[in-house]
Amino acid sequence: MKAWMIAAMDDASRLITGIDIFFNDNRINVMSVLKSAVSKFGRPSRLVLDNGPSYKNKQIKLMVSLIATTL
C-alpha cells in the first residue's frame, strides 16, 4: 500500500508548518494539513500550491479565499 506525505512549509524559513501521512492523496487530506498549519501559525501572506488535482480544485480555492478574508 502506498503512503503519501503531505506537508505545508514556510518558503522563507523552510519551517514545516503542517505535515501528516495519508494513504490517499486527495483534497480532503490537503485541506486537513492546511487547516492545521493555519491554526498553529496563522494566516499566510502567500500560498503556493502544486498543480495536481489534489491541490487545484474548488474546495481549496474556497478555503484560500476564506483564509485571505480573515484577520
C-alpha atoms as a PDB file:
ATOM      1  CA  MET A   1       0.000   0.000   0.000  1.00  0.00           C
ATOM      2  CA  LYS A   2       1.304   3.415  -0.958  1.00  0.00           C
ATOM      3  CA  ALA A   3       1.601   6.197   1.642  1.00  0.00           C
ATOM      4  CA  TRP A   4       1.601   9.933   0.905  1.00  0.00           C
ATOM      5  CA  MET A   5       3.281  12.615   2.960  1.00  0.00           C
ATOM      6  CA  ILE A   6       1.511  15.960   2.624  1.00  0.00           C
ATOM      7  CA  ALA A   7       3.291  18.960   4.116  1.00  0.00           C
ATOM      8  CA  ALA A   8       2.973  22.729   4.338  1.00  0.00           C
ATOM      9  CA  MET A   9       6.236  24.646   4.502  1.00  0.00           C
ATOM     10  CA  ASP A  10       7.188  28.273   5.060  1.00  0.00           C
ATOM     11  CA  ASP A  11       9.164  29.248   1.954  1.00  0.00           C
ATOM     12  CA  ALA A  12      11.420  31.795   3.676  1.00  0.00           C
ATOM     13  CA  SER A  13      12.481  29.804   6.745  1.00  0.00           C
ATOM     14  CA  ARG A  14      11.817  26.275   5.397  1.00  0.00           C
ATOM     15  CA  LEU A  15       9.891  25.550   8.619  1.00  0.00           C
ATOM     16  CA  ILE A  16       7.400  22.703   8.236  1.00  0.00           C
ATOM     17  CA  THR A  17       4.132  24.244   9.447  1.00  0.00           C
ATOM     18  CA  GLY A  18       1.922  21.229   8.848  1.00  0.00           C
ATOM     19  CA  ILE A  19       2.598  17.608   7.963  1.00  0.00           C
ATOM     20  CA  ASP A  20       0.843  14.258   8.011  1.00  0.00           C
ATOM     21  CA  ILE A  21       0.963  10.832   6.385  1.00  0.00           C
ATOM     22  CA  PHE A  22      -2.061   9.547   4.468  1.00  0.00           C
ATOM     23  CA  PHE A  23      -2.990   6.526   2.366  1.00  0.00           C
ATOM     24  CA  ASN A  24      -4.672   8.789  -0.219  1.00  0.00           C
ATOM     25  CA  ASP A  25      -3.525  11.929  -1.995  1.00  0.00           C
ATOM     26  CA  ASN A  26      -6.793  13.862  -2.132  1.00  0.00           C
ATOM     27  CA  ARG A  27      -8.206  17.319  -1.456  1.00  0.00           C
ATOM     28  CA  ILE A  28      -9.592  16.362   1.956  1.00  0.00           C
ATOM     29  CA  ASN A  29      -6.143  15.411   3.237  1.00  0.00           C
ATOM     30  CA  VAL A  30      -4.535  18.516   1.707  1.00  0.00           C
ATOM     31  CA  MET A  31      -7.161  20.701   3.390  1.00  0.00           C
ATOM     32  CA  SER A  32      -6.531  18.935   6.698  1.00  0.00           C
ATOM     33  CA  VAL A  33      -2.822  19.800   6.573  1.00  0.00           C
ATOM     34  CA  LEU A  34      -3.541  23.402   5.509  1.00  0.00           C
ATOM     35  CA  LYS A  35      -6.080  23.870   8.316  1.00  0.00           C
ATOM     36  CA  SER A  36      -3.582  22.535  10.830  1.00  0.00           C
ATOM     37  CA  ALA A  37      -0.836  24.869   9.571  1.00  0.00           C
ATOM     38  CA  VAL A  38      -3.086  27.945   9.628  1.00  0.00           C
ATOM     39  CA  SER A  39      -4.436  27.169  13.089  1.00  0.00           C
ATOM     40  CA  LYS A  40      -0.903  26.789  14.511  1.00  0.00           C
ATOM     41  CA  PHE A  41       0.945  29.552  12.653  1.00  0.00           C
ATOM     42  CA  GLY A  42      -1.729  31.951  11.432  1.00  0.00           C
ATOM     43  CA  ARG A  43      -2.705  33.215   8.029  1.00  0.00           C
ATOM     44  CA  PRO A  44      -0.008  33.064   5.347  1.00  0.00           C
ATOM     45  CA  SER A  45       0.659  36.117   3.179  1.00  0.00           C
ATOM     46  CA  ARG A  46       1.041  33.893   0.119  1.00  0.00           C
ATOM     47  CA  LEU A  47       0.120  30.332  -0.669  1.00  0.00           C
ATOM     48  CA  VAL A  48       1.942  28.391  -3.394  1.00  0.00           C
ATOM     49  CA  LEU A  49       0.461  25.021  -4.311  1.00  0.00           C
ATOM     50  CA  ASP A  50       1.272  22.165  -6.644  1.00  0.00           C
ATOM     51  CA  ASN A  51      -0.802  21.952  -9.840  1.00  0.00           C
ATOM     52  CA  GLY A  52      -2.012  18.427  -9.128  1.00  0.00           C
ATOM     53  CA  PRO A  53      -5.743  17.684  -8.856  1.00  0.00           C
ATOM     54  CA  SER A  54      -5.487  17.381  -5.058  1.00  0.00           C
ATOM     55  CA  TYR A  55      -4.288  20.978  -4.855  1.00  0.00           C
ATOM     56  CA  LYS A  56      -6.241  22.594  -7.678  1.00  0.00           C
ATOM     57  CA  ASN A  57      -9.986  22.355  -7.037  1.00  0.00           C
ATOM     58  CA  LYS A  58     -12.985  24.422  -5.926  1.00  0.00           C
ATOM     59  CA  GLN A  59     -12.734  23.456  -2.255  1.00  0.00           C
ATOM     60  CA  ILE A  60      -9.102  24.584  -1.984  1.00  0.00           C
ATOM     61  CA  LYS A  61      -9.964  27.862  -3.756  1.00  0.00           C
ATOM     62  CA  LEU A  62     -12.802  28.439  -1.274  1.00  0.00           C
ATOM     63  CA  MET A  63     -10.547  27.693   1.703  1.00  0.00           C
ATOM     64  CA  VAL A  64      -7.855  30.038   0.381  1.00  0.00           C
ATOM     65  CA  SER A  65     -10.411  32.828  -0.117  1.00  0.00           C
ATOM     66  CA  LEU A  66     -11.650  32.316   3.470  1.00  0.00           C
ATOM     67  CA  ILE A  67      -8.081  32.462   4.782  1.00  0.00           C
ATOM     68  CA  ALA A  68      -7.458  35.657   2.789  1.00  0.00           C
ATOM     69  CA  THR A  69     -10.545  37.420   4.209  1.00  0.00           C
ATOM     70  CA  THR A  70      -9.876  36.602   7.870  1.00  0.00           C
ATOM     71  CA  LEU A  71      -7.963  38.979  10.140  1.00  0.00           C
END
